[in-house]
N, C-alpha and C. Protein backbone atom coordinates (compact mmCIF):
# COMPACT_ATOMS: atom_id res chain seq x y z
N MET A 1 78.44 121.59 111.55
CA MET A 1 79.08 120.47 112.25
C MET A 1 80.33 120.01 111.52
N ARG A 2 80.23 119.89 110.17
CA ARG A 2 81.39 119.45 109.41
C ARG A 2 82.56 120.39 109.59
N GLY A 3 82.26 121.73 109.61
CA GLY A 3 83.32 122.71 109.80
C GLY A 3 83.99 122.60 111.15
N LYS A 4 83.19 122.29 112.20
CA LYS A 4 83.77 122.13 113.54
C LYS A 4 84.68 120.91 113.60
N VAL A 5 84.26 119.83 112.94
CA VAL A 5 85.08 118.61 112.93
C VAL A 5 86.39 118.87 112.22
N LEU A 6 86.31 119.55 111.07
CA LEU A 6 87.53 119.84 110.33
C LEU A 6 88.44 120.76 111.12
N ALA A 7 87.87 121.75 111.80
CA ALA A 7 88.68 122.66 112.61
C ALA A 7 89.41 121.90 113.72
N LEU A 8 88.71 120.91 114.33
CA LEU A 8 89.33 120.11 115.37
C LEU A 8 90.47 119.28 114.81
N LEU A 9 90.26 118.71 113.62
CA LEU A 9 91.30 117.91 112.99
C LEU A 9 92.54 118.76 112.70
N LEU A 10 92.30 119.97 112.21
CA LEU A 10 93.42 120.85 111.90
C LEU A 10 94.17 121.26 113.15
N LEU A 11 93.45 121.44 114.24
CA LEU A 11 94.08 121.78 115.50
C LEU A 11 94.98 120.65 115.97
N LEU A 12 94.49 119.42 115.82
CA LEU A 12 95.28 118.25 116.21
C LEU A 12 96.52 118.10 115.35
N LEU A 13 96.43 118.61 114.11
CA LEU A 13 97.55 118.47 113.19
C LEU A 13 98.58 119.59 113.32
N ALA A 14 98.32 120.57 114.15
CA ALA A 14 99.25 121.69 114.30
C ALA A 14 100.62 121.16 114.71
N ALA A 15 101.61 121.41 113.88
CA ALA A 15 102.93 120.82 114.10
C ALA A 15 103.81 121.75 114.92
N PRO A 16 104.66 121.18 115.77
CA PRO A 16 105.61 122.02 116.50
C PRO A 16 106.62 122.65 115.55
N ALA A 17 107.19 123.78 115.97
CA ALA A 17 108.17 124.49 115.15
C ALA A 17 109.32 123.56 114.80
N GLY A 18 109.73 123.59 113.53
CA GLY A 18 110.87 122.79 113.10
C GLY A 18 110.49 121.38 112.68
N ALA A 19 109.24 120.98 112.83
CA ALA A 19 108.83 119.64 112.44
C ALA A 19 108.81 119.52 110.92
N GLU A 20 109.06 118.31 110.42
CA GLU A 20 109.00 118.07 108.99
C GLU A 20 107.55 118.13 108.52
N PRO A 21 107.31 118.64 107.32
CA PRO A 21 105.93 118.64 106.81
C PRO A 21 105.44 117.22 106.55
N LEU A 22 104.14 117.03 106.64
CA LEU A 22 103.56 115.76 106.25
C LEU A 22 103.78 115.56 104.76
N LYS A 23 103.97 114.30 104.37
CA LYS A 23 104.25 113.99 102.97
C LYS A 23 103.07 113.22 102.39
N LEU A 24 102.42 113.82 101.41
CA LEU A 24 101.24 113.24 100.78
C LEU A 24 101.58 112.88 99.33
N LEU A 25 101.28 111.65 98.95
CA LEU A 25 101.52 111.17 97.60
C LEU A 25 100.21 111.18 96.81
N ALA A 26 100.19 111.86 95.67
CA ALA A 26 99.03 111.83 94.78
C ALA A 26 99.39 110.90 93.62
N PHE A 27 98.80 109.70 93.63
CA PHE A 27 99.18 108.63 92.71
C PHE A 27 98.03 108.38 91.74
N GLY A 28 98.25 108.62 90.46
CA GLY A 28 97.14 108.46 89.53
C GLY A 28 97.56 108.64 88.09
N ASP A 29 96.62 109.17 87.29
CA ASP A 29 96.83 109.33 85.86
C ASP A 29 96.82 110.80 85.49
N SER A 30 96.30 111.13 84.30
CA SER A 30 96.33 112.52 83.84
C SER A 30 95.48 113.45 84.71
N LEU A 31 94.44 112.93 85.35
CA LEU A 31 93.64 113.75 86.25
C LEU A 31 94.47 114.25 87.42
N THR A 32 95.33 113.38 87.92
CA THR A 32 96.24 113.75 89.00
C THR A 32 97.37 114.63 88.48
N HIS A 33 97.89 114.26 87.31
CA HIS A 33 99.06 114.94 86.77
C HIS A 33 98.78 116.40 86.43
N GLY A 34 97.54 116.71 86.02
CA GLY A 34 97.21 118.08 85.64
C GLY A 34 97.29 118.31 84.14
N TYR A 35 96.88 117.30 83.38
CA TYR A 35 96.94 117.34 81.92
C TYR A 35 96.28 118.60 81.35
N GLY A 36 97.00 119.28 80.44
CA GLY A 36 96.45 120.42 79.72
C GLY A 36 96.38 121.72 80.49
N LEU A 37 96.91 121.74 81.70
CA LEU A 37 96.80 122.93 82.55
C LEU A 37 98.16 123.58 82.78
N PRO A 38 98.20 124.90 82.92
CA PRO A 38 99.45 125.58 83.27
C PRO A 38 99.95 125.11 84.64
N GLN A 39 101.25 125.20 84.81
CA GLN A 39 101.83 124.85 86.11
C GLN A 39 101.18 125.71 87.20
N GLY A 40 100.75 125.07 88.25
CA GLY A 40 100.09 125.76 89.35
C GLY A 40 98.59 125.61 89.34
N ASP A 41 98.02 125.21 88.19
CA ASP A 41 96.57 125.08 88.09
C ASP A 41 96.08 123.64 88.22
N GLY A 42 97.01 122.68 88.21
CA GLY A 42 96.64 121.27 88.26
C GLY A 42 96.17 120.83 89.64
N PHE A 43 95.79 119.57 89.72
CA PHE A 43 95.24 119.02 90.95
C PHE A 43 96.23 119.09 92.11
N VAL A 44 97.45 118.69 91.89
CA VAL A 44 98.42 118.62 92.99
C VAL A 44 98.76 120.00 93.56
N PRO A 45 99.16 120.98 92.75
CA PRO A 45 99.44 122.30 93.35
C PRO A 45 98.22 122.94 93.99
N GLN A 46 97.04 122.74 93.40
CA GLN A 46 95.84 123.31 94.01
C GLN A 46 95.50 122.61 95.32
N MET A 47 95.67 121.28 95.38
CA MET A 47 95.39 120.57 96.62
C MET A 47 96.38 120.98 97.71
N GLU A 48 97.65 121.09 97.37
CA GLU A 48 98.64 121.50 98.36
C GLU A 48 98.31 122.91 98.88
N ALA A 49 97.95 123.81 97.98
CA ALA A 49 97.62 125.17 98.39
C ALA A 49 96.38 125.18 99.29
N TRP A 50 95.39 124.35 98.95
CA TRP A 50 94.16 124.29 99.76
C TRP A 50 94.47 123.78 101.16
N LEU A 51 95.25 122.72 101.24
CA LEU A 51 95.58 122.14 102.55
C LEU A 51 96.40 123.13 103.39
N ARG A 52 97.32 123.82 102.74
CA ARG A 52 98.13 124.80 103.47
C ARG A 52 97.28 125.98 103.94
N ALA A 53 96.29 126.34 103.15
CA ALA A 53 95.38 127.42 103.55
C ALA A 53 94.56 127.04 104.77
N GLN A 54 94.38 125.73 105.00
CA GLN A 54 93.69 125.25 106.20
C GLN A 54 94.63 125.16 107.40
N GLY A 55 95.90 125.49 107.19
CA GLY A 55 96.87 125.48 108.28
C GLY A 55 97.69 124.21 108.37
N LEU A 56 97.59 123.34 107.37
CA LEU A 56 98.35 122.08 107.39
C LEU A 56 99.73 122.27 106.78
N ASP A 57 100.73 121.76 107.46
CA ASP A 57 102.09 121.77 106.93
C ASP A 57 102.28 120.48 106.15
N VAL A 58 102.08 120.55 104.83
CA VAL A 58 102.08 119.34 104.01
C VAL A 58 102.74 119.62 102.67
N ALA A 59 103.46 118.62 102.19
CA ALA A 59 104.04 118.67 100.84
C ALA A 59 103.41 117.55 100.03
N VAL A 60 102.86 117.89 98.87
CA VAL A 60 102.17 116.91 98.03
C VAL A 60 103.05 116.58 96.83
N THR A 61 103.34 115.30 96.64
CA THR A 61 104.15 114.83 95.53
C THR A 61 103.25 114.38 94.38
N ASN A 62 103.53 114.87 93.19
CA ASN A 62 102.74 114.52 92.01
C ASN A 62 103.28 113.23 91.39
N ALA A 63 102.55 112.13 91.58
CA ALA A 63 102.90 110.85 90.96
C ALA A 63 101.80 110.47 89.97
N GLY A 64 101.30 111.46 89.26
CA GLY A 64 100.32 111.21 88.21
C GLY A 64 101.03 111.04 86.88
N VAL A 65 100.65 110.03 86.13
CA VAL A 65 101.24 109.75 84.81
C VAL A 65 100.12 109.73 83.79
N SER A 66 100.15 110.66 82.85
CA SER A 66 99.10 110.72 81.84
C SER A 66 99.02 109.42 81.06
N GLY A 67 97.81 108.91 80.88
CA GLY A 67 97.59 107.67 80.15
C GLY A 67 97.77 106.41 80.96
N ASP A 68 98.12 106.56 82.25
CA ASP A 68 98.41 105.38 83.05
C ASP A 68 97.14 104.59 83.36
N THR A 69 97.27 103.28 83.31
CA THR A 69 96.21 102.35 83.69
C THR A 69 96.50 101.81 85.08
N THR A 70 95.58 101.02 85.60
CA THR A 70 95.85 100.38 86.90
C THR A 70 97.03 99.43 86.79
N ALA A 71 97.21 98.81 85.62
CA ALA A 71 98.37 97.93 85.42
C ALA A 71 99.67 98.73 85.49
N GLY A 72 99.67 99.92 84.87
CA GLY A 72 100.84 100.78 84.95
C GLY A 72 101.12 101.22 86.38
N GLY A 73 100.05 101.54 87.11
CA GLY A 73 100.22 101.93 88.51
C GLY A 73 100.81 100.80 89.33
N LEU A 74 100.35 99.58 89.10
CA LEU A 74 100.88 98.44 89.83
C LEU A 74 102.36 98.23 89.52
N SER A 75 102.74 98.47 88.27
CA SER A 75 104.14 98.24 87.88
C SER A 75 105.10 99.24 88.50
N ARG A 76 104.60 100.41 88.92
CA ARG A 76 105.51 101.43 89.45
C ARG A 76 105.32 101.73 90.94
N ILE A 77 104.38 101.06 91.57
CA ILE A 77 104.08 101.42 92.96
C ILE A 77 105.25 101.13 93.90
N ASP A 78 105.95 100.03 93.69
CA ASP A 78 107.02 99.67 94.62
C ASP A 78 108.13 100.70 94.63
N TRP A 79 108.58 101.10 93.44
CA TRP A 79 109.68 102.08 93.44
C TRP A 79 109.20 103.47 93.83
N THR A 80 107.92 103.76 93.61
CA THR A 80 107.38 105.05 94.08
C THR A 80 107.42 105.11 95.60
N LEU A 81 107.11 103.98 96.24
CA LEU A 81 107.08 103.94 97.71
C LEU A 81 108.45 103.73 98.33
N ALA A 82 109.50 103.74 97.50
CA ALA A 82 110.85 103.69 98.06
C ALA A 82 111.12 104.94 98.90
N GLU A 83 110.43 106.04 98.54
CA GLU A 83 110.47 107.25 99.36
C GLU A 83 109.33 107.17 100.37
N PRO A 84 109.58 107.50 101.63
CA PRO A 84 108.52 107.38 102.63
C PRO A 84 107.46 108.47 102.49
N PHE A 85 106.20 108.07 102.68
CA PHE A 85 105.08 109.00 102.66
C PHE A 85 104.18 108.73 103.86
N ASP A 86 103.49 109.77 104.30
CA ASP A 86 102.54 109.62 105.40
C ASP A 86 101.18 109.16 104.91
N ALA A 87 100.79 109.61 103.73
CA ALA A 87 99.45 109.30 103.21
C ALA A 87 99.48 109.37 101.70
N MET A 88 98.41 108.83 101.10
CA MET A 88 98.36 108.72 99.64
C MET A 88 96.92 108.87 99.15
N ILE A 89 96.75 109.61 98.04
CA ILE A 89 95.49 109.64 97.30
C ILE A 89 95.68 108.74 96.09
N LEU A 90 94.85 107.72 95.96
CA LEU A 90 94.96 106.77 94.85
C LEU A 90 93.80 106.99 93.88
N THR A 91 94.13 107.45 92.68
CA THR A 91 93.11 107.76 91.67
C THR A 91 93.52 107.12 90.34
N LEU A 92 93.07 105.92 90.11
CA LEU A 92 93.33 105.22 88.84
C LEU A 92 92.06 104.50 88.41
N GLY A 93 91.97 104.21 87.12
CA GLY A 93 90.84 103.45 86.60
C GLY A 93 90.20 104.07 85.38
N GLY A 94 90.39 105.37 85.17
CA GLY A 94 89.78 106.03 84.03
C GLY A 94 90.26 105.48 82.70
N ASN A 95 91.55 105.21 82.59
CA ASN A 95 92.09 104.68 81.34
C ASN A 95 91.74 103.20 81.16
N ASP A 96 91.51 102.49 82.24
CA ASP A 96 90.97 101.13 82.12
C ASP A 96 89.59 101.19 81.46
N LEU A 97 88.78 102.16 81.87
CA LEU A 97 87.46 102.31 81.27
C LEU A 97 87.55 102.64 79.79
N LEU A 98 88.45 103.54 79.43
CA LEU A 98 88.58 103.92 78.03
C LEU A 98 89.00 102.73 77.17
N ARG A 99 89.71 101.78 77.76
CA ARG A 99 90.16 100.60 77.02
C ARG A 99 89.22 99.41 77.16
N GLY A 100 88.19 99.56 77.99
CA GLY A 100 87.27 98.45 78.19
C GLY A 100 87.91 97.28 78.92
N THR A 101 88.84 97.57 79.81
CA THR A 101 89.53 96.52 80.57
C THR A 101 88.53 95.72 81.39
N ALA A 102 88.71 94.42 81.44
CA ALA A 102 87.82 93.57 82.22
C ALA A 102 87.87 93.97 83.69
N PRO A 103 86.71 94.10 84.34
CA PRO A 103 86.69 94.53 85.75
C PRO A 103 87.56 93.68 86.65
N GLU A 104 87.63 92.37 86.39
CA GLU A 104 88.44 91.51 87.27
C GLU A 104 89.93 91.83 87.14
N VAL A 105 90.35 92.31 85.98
CA VAL A 105 91.75 92.71 85.80
C VAL A 105 92.03 94.00 86.57
N THR A 106 91.12 94.97 86.42
CA THR A 106 91.27 96.23 87.16
C THR A 106 91.26 95.96 88.66
N ARG A 107 90.37 95.11 89.12
CA ARG A 107 90.30 94.78 90.55
C ARG A 107 91.62 94.19 91.04
N ALA A 108 92.18 93.25 90.29
CA ALA A 108 93.44 92.62 90.70
C ALA A 108 94.56 93.64 90.78
N ASN A 109 94.59 94.60 89.85
CA ASN A 109 95.64 95.62 89.87
C ASN A 109 95.50 96.56 91.06
N ILE A 110 94.29 97.03 91.32
CA ILE A 110 94.07 97.90 92.48
C ILE A 110 94.38 97.15 93.77
N ASP A 111 93.99 95.88 93.82
CA ASP A 111 94.29 95.05 94.98
C ASP A 111 95.80 94.97 95.20
N GLY A 112 96.55 94.77 94.13
CA GLY A 112 98.01 94.70 94.25
C GLY A 112 98.62 96.00 94.72
N ILE A 113 98.10 97.12 94.23
CA ILE A 113 98.59 98.43 94.68
C ILE A 113 98.32 98.61 96.16
N LEU A 114 97.12 98.26 96.60
CA LEU A 114 96.77 98.44 98.01
C LEU A 114 97.59 97.52 98.91
N GLN A 115 97.91 96.33 98.43
CA GLN A 115 98.79 95.45 99.20
C GLN A 115 100.14 96.10 99.43
N ALA A 116 100.70 96.69 98.36
CA ALA A 116 102.01 97.33 98.47
C ALA A 116 101.95 98.53 99.42
N VAL A 117 100.89 99.31 99.30
CA VAL A 117 100.75 100.50 100.14
C VAL A 117 100.56 100.10 101.60
N GLN A 118 99.76 99.08 101.84
CA GLN A 118 99.56 98.60 103.21
C GLN A 118 100.88 98.11 103.79
N GLY A 119 101.67 97.41 102.98
CA GLY A 119 102.96 96.94 103.45
C GLY A 119 103.92 98.06 103.81
N ALA A 120 103.74 99.21 103.15
CA ALA A 120 104.60 100.37 103.44
C ALA A 120 104.07 101.21 104.60
N GLY A 121 102.90 100.85 105.13
CA GLY A 121 102.33 101.57 106.26
C GLY A 121 101.83 102.95 105.92
N VAL A 122 101.36 103.15 104.68
CA VAL A 122 100.87 104.45 104.22
C VAL A 122 99.35 104.45 104.24
N LYS A 123 98.76 105.48 104.83
CA LYS A 123 97.31 105.62 104.84
C LYS A 123 96.81 106.02 103.45
N VAL A 124 95.64 105.53 103.06
CA VAL A 124 95.16 105.73 101.69
C VAL A 124 93.75 106.33 101.66
N LEU A 125 93.58 107.30 100.76
CA LEU A 125 92.24 107.72 100.34
C LEU A 125 92.03 107.12 98.96
N LEU A 126 91.17 106.12 98.87
CA LEU A 126 90.89 105.45 97.61
C LEU A 126 89.75 106.18 96.90
N VAL A 127 90.02 106.62 95.68
CA VAL A 127 89.05 107.41 94.92
C VAL A 127 88.47 106.55 93.81
N GLY A 128 87.15 106.37 93.82
CA GLY A 128 86.49 105.54 92.83
C GLY A 128 86.44 106.18 91.45
N MET A 129 86.10 105.36 90.47
CA MET A 129 85.98 105.82 89.08
C MET A 129 84.73 105.17 88.49
N PRO A 130 83.57 105.83 88.60
CA PRO A 130 82.32 105.22 88.14
C PRO A 130 82.33 104.93 86.64
N ALA A 131 81.81 103.77 86.27
CA ALA A 131 81.76 103.37 84.86
C ALA A 131 80.55 103.99 84.17
N PRO A 132 80.71 104.42 82.92
CA PRO A 132 79.56 104.89 82.16
C PRO A 132 78.68 103.71 81.75
N GLY A 133 77.51 104.01 81.27
CA GLY A 133 76.57 102.94 80.94
C GLY A 133 76.78 102.28 79.59
N ASN A 134 77.74 102.79 78.78
CA ASN A 134 77.85 102.27 77.42
C ASN A 134 78.42 100.86 77.34
N TYR A 135 79.01 100.36 78.44
CA TYR A 135 79.50 98.98 78.44
C TYR A 135 78.44 97.99 78.93
N GLY A 136 77.29 98.50 79.30
CA GLY A 136 76.22 97.63 79.77
C GLY A 136 76.16 97.58 81.28
N PRO A 137 74.99 97.19 81.83
CA PRO A 137 74.80 97.20 83.29
C PRO A 137 75.67 96.20 84.04
N ASP A 138 75.94 95.05 83.45
CA ASP A 138 76.75 94.04 84.15
C ASP A 138 78.19 94.53 84.33
N TYR A 139 78.74 95.10 83.26
CA TYR A 139 80.10 95.65 83.34
C TYR A 139 80.15 96.77 84.38
N ALA A 140 79.20 97.70 84.30
CA ALA A 140 79.19 98.83 85.22
C ALA A 140 79.08 98.36 86.67
N ALA A 141 78.21 97.40 86.93
CA ALA A 141 78.04 96.91 88.30
C ALA A 141 79.32 96.28 88.82
N ALA A 142 79.98 95.47 87.99
CA ALA A 142 81.22 94.81 88.41
C ALA A 142 82.34 95.82 88.60
N PHE A 143 82.43 96.80 87.70
CA PHE A 143 83.49 97.80 87.78
C PHE A 143 83.28 98.72 88.98
N ASN A 144 82.06 99.18 89.16
CA ASN A 144 81.78 100.13 90.24
C ASN A 144 81.97 99.51 91.63
N ALA A 145 81.85 98.20 91.73
CA ALA A 145 81.98 97.53 93.02
C ALA A 145 83.44 97.43 93.49
N ILE A 146 84.37 97.62 92.56
CA ILE A 146 85.79 97.40 92.89
C ILE A 146 86.23 98.26 94.07
N TRP A 147 85.95 99.55 93.99
CA TRP A 147 86.52 100.50 94.97
C TRP A 147 85.90 100.39 96.36
N PRO A 148 84.60 100.39 96.50
CA PRO A 148 84.06 100.26 97.87
C PRO A 148 84.40 98.92 98.50
N GLU A 149 84.44 97.85 97.70
CA GLU A 149 84.75 96.53 98.27
C GLU A 149 86.21 96.44 98.70
N LEU A 150 87.13 96.94 97.88
CA LEU A 150 88.54 96.90 98.26
C LEU A 150 88.83 97.89 99.39
N SER A 151 88.12 99.00 99.42
CA SER A 151 88.28 99.94 100.53
C SER A 151 87.90 99.27 101.84
N ALA A 152 86.78 98.54 101.84
CA ALA A 152 86.36 97.84 103.05
C ALA A 152 87.36 96.75 103.42
N LEU A 153 87.90 96.05 102.43
CA LEU A 153 88.84 94.96 102.68
C LEU A 153 90.13 95.47 103.32
N TYR A 154 90.62 96.62 102.83
CA TYR A 154 91.91 97.15 103.31
C TYR A 154 91.74 98.25 104.36
N GLY A 155 90.53 98.63 104.68
CA GLY A 155 90.31 99.64 105.70
C GLY A 155 90.79 101.02 105.30
N THR A 156 90.62 101.38 104.02
CA THR A 156 91.05 102.69 103.56
C THR A 156 89.93 103.71 103.70
N ALA A 157 90.29 104.98 103.61
CA ALA A 157 89.28 106.01 103.41
C ALA A 157 88.81 105.90 101.96
N TYR A 158 87.61 106.40 101.68
CA TYR A 158 87.04 106.19 100.35
C TYR A 158 86.10 107.32 99.96
N VAL A 159 86.22 107.75 98.69
CA VAL A 159 85.21 108.62 98.09
C VAL A 159 84.84 107.99 96.75
N PRO A 160 83.58 108.10 96.33
CA PRO A 160 83.13 107.36 95.15
C PRO A 160 83.60 107.90 93.81
N SER A 161 84.06 109.16 93.76
CA SER A 161 84.45 109.73 92.48
C SER A 161 85.43 110.88 92.66
N PHE A 162 86.39 110.97 91.74
CA PHE A 162 87.32 112.09 91.71
C PHE A 162 86.57 113.41 91.52
N PHE A 163 85.44 113.35 90.83
CA PHE A 163 84.69 114.56 90.47
C PHE A 163 83.65 114.94 91.52
N ILE A 164 83.88 114.53 92.75
CA ILE A 164 82.91 114.70 93.83
C ILE A 164 82.50 116.16 94.03
N GLY A 165 83.38 117.10 93.75
CA GLY A 165 83.06 118.51 94.01
C GLY A 165 82.34 119.22 92.89
N LEU A 166 82.12 118.53 91.76
CA LEU A 166 81.50 119.19 90.62
C LEU A 166 79.98 119.08 90.67
N PRO A 167 79.28 120.12 90.20
CA PRO A 167 77.80 120.06 90.17
C PRO A 167 77.35 119.05 89.12
N ASP A 168 76.26 118.36 89.40
CA ASP A 168 75.75 117.40 88.41
C ASP A 168 74.32 117.70 87.97
N GLU A 169 73.78 118.81 88.46
CA GLU A 169 72.39 119.11 88.14
C GLU A 169 72.23 119.95 86.88
N ASP A 170 73.33 120.55 86.40
CA ASP A 170 73.26 121.44 85.24
C ASP A 170 74.33 121.04 84.23
N PRO A 171 73.98 120.25 83.20
CA PRO A 171 74.98 119.79 82.22
C PRO A 171 75.74 120.93 81.56
N ALA A 172 75.08 122.05 81.31
CA ALA A 172 75.75 123.18 80.66
C ALA A 172 76.83 123.74 81.56
N ALA A 173 76.52 123.90 82.85
CA ALA A 173 77.51 124.40 83.79
C ALA A 173 78.66 123.41 83.94
N LEU A 174 78.34 122.13 83.91
CA LEU A 174 79.37 121.10 84.04
C LEU A 174 80.33 121.14 82.86
N ARG A 175 79.80 121.33 81.66
CA ARG A 175 80.66 121.40 80.47
C ARG A 175 81.64 122.56 80.58
N GLY A 176 81.23 123.64 81.23
CA GLY A 176 82.09 124.78 81.38
C GLY A 176 83.23 124.58 82.35
N LEU A 177 83.25 123.45 83.04
CA LEU A 177 84.31 123.15 83.99
C LEU A 177 85.33 122.17 83.44
N PHE A 178 85.18 121.83 82.14
CA PHE A 178 86.09 120.88 81.51
C PHE A 178 86.81 121.53 80.34
N GLN A 179 87.96 120.96 80.01
CA GLN A 179 88.68 121.35 78.82
C GLN A 179 87.91 120.86 77.59
N PRO A 180 88.28 121.31 76.39
CA PRO A 180 87.54 120.95 75.18
C PRO A 180 87.39 119.44 74.95
N ASP A 181 88.30 118.63 75.50
CA ASP A 181 88.17 117.18 75.29
C ASP A 181 87.02 116.57 76.07
N GLY A 182 86.44 117.31 77.02
CA GLY A 182 85.32 116.81 77.81
C GLY A 182 85.70 115.77 78.84
N ILE A 183 86.98 115.52 79.02
CA ILE A 183 87.47 114.49 79.95
C ILE A 183 88.22 115.11 81.12
N HIS A 184 89.06 116.08 80.81
CA HIS A 184 89.93 116.66 81.84
C HIS A 184 89.37 118.01 82.31
N PRO A 185 89.30 118.22 83.61
CA PRO A 185 88.78 119.49 84.12
C PRO A 185 89.71 120.65 83.81
N ASN A 186 89.12 121.83 83.66
CA ASN A 186 89.94 123.03 83.54
C ASN A 186 90.30 123.52 84.94
N ALA A 187 90.98 124.66 85.02
CA ALA A 187 91.46 125.14 86.32
C ALA A 187 90.32 125.37 87.30
N GLU A 188 89.20 125.92 86.81
CA GLU A 188 88.05 126.16 87.67
C GLU A 188 87.46 124.83 88.15
N GLY A 189 87.40 123.86 87.25
CA GLY A 189 86.90 122.55 87.63
C GLY A 189 87.78 121.90 88.69
N VAL A 190 89.10 122.02 88.53
CA VAL A 190 90.02 121.46 89.52
C VAL A 190 89.81 122.12 90.88
N THR A 191 89.56 123.42 90.89
CA THR A 191 89.33 124.12 92.15
C THR A 191 88.14 123.51 92.90
N LEU A 192 87.05 123.23 92.17
CA LEU A 192 85.88 122.63 92.81
C LEU A 192 86.15 121.20 93.25
N ILE A 193 86.91 120.46 92.46
CA ILE A 193 87.28 119.09 92.83
C ILE A 193 88.09 119.10 94.13
N VAL A 194 89.05 120.01 94.21
CA VAL A 194 89.88 120.12 95.41
C VAL A 194 89.03 120.49 96.62
N GLU A 195 88.08 121.39 96.43
CA GLU A 195 87.20 121.77 97.55
C GLU A 195 86.34 120.59 98.00
N GLY A 196 85.98 119.72 97.06
CA GLY A 196 85.21 118.53 97.42
C GLY A 196 86.03 117.47 98.11
N LEU A 197 87.25 117.23 97.61
CA LEU A 197 88.10 116.18 98.17
C LEU A 197 88.92 116.66 99.37
N GLY A 198 89.17 117.96 99.44
CA GLY A 198 90.06 118.49 100.47
C GLY A 198 89.73 118.06 101.89
N PRO A 199 88.47 118.18 102.35
CA PRO A 199 88.16 117.76 103.71
C PRO A 199 88.44 116.28 103.96
N GLU A 200 88.24 115.44 102.95
CA GLU A 200 88.53 114.01 103.10
C GLU A 200 90.04 113.78 103.22
N VAL A 201 90.81 114.56 102.46
CA VAL A 201 92.27 114.45 102.55
C VAL A 201 92.75 114.91 103.91
N ALA A 202 92.17 116.00 104.42
CA ALA A 202 92.55 116.50 105.74
C ALA A 202 92.28 115.46 106.83
N LYS A 203 91.14 114.79 106.73
CA LYS A 203 90.83 113.73 107.71
C LYS A 203 91.84 112.59 107.60
N LEU A 204 92.22 112.25 106.38
CA LEU A 204 93.22 111.19 106.18
C LEU A 204 94.54 111.57 106.85
N LEU A 205 94.96 112.81 106.68
CA LEU A 205 96.22 113.25 107.27
C LEU A 205 96.16 113.27 108.80
N ALA A 206 94.95 113.47 109.33
CA ALA A 206 94.79 113.49 110.78
C ALA A 206 95.06 112.12 111.40
N GLU A 207 94.95 111.07 110.61
CA GLU A 207 95.21 109.73 111.12
C GLU A 207 96.69 109.45 111.28
């Protein structure tokens, strides 16, 4: 059933000859940027290749900045959106977690980014960033609630994690999909991430 729905979406997206490609903005941090990977193996080139393999005429712009926090994203969103885009993947929050940023601060920053994006008329796939348990259950609950609640508030598309396509039942296999730092996926890991997120991105573009 999922394959039939995706095929229908792709059919609807078939562009007439000479039409401009859809413009997709990938806005995030090092996970988006492709940290530690050769050119062509990162998230953006692999996502663009995956979407094009499905028959979509789309150009994906890499607006990932390694080390960026939600505050950094908020500070640059306006000038990033000076160029028109049809849709956007928003993936920020990992570096907030590494710094132990207060959930209310992260929430305010994501809220500000979504306000700017909504004002620009750009459709959004909001990608969550689940908190680990080392900050305690109260922190994790407050942090994890940010993305689904803001997605509902702004009417965005939503997935709970950037790592949606990775297996979670075998820790050994999972380790083999990451670079030595244990944080950034390797090329094979990115391929699985793209396969997991790709159908959601295609649906976003169909809107």
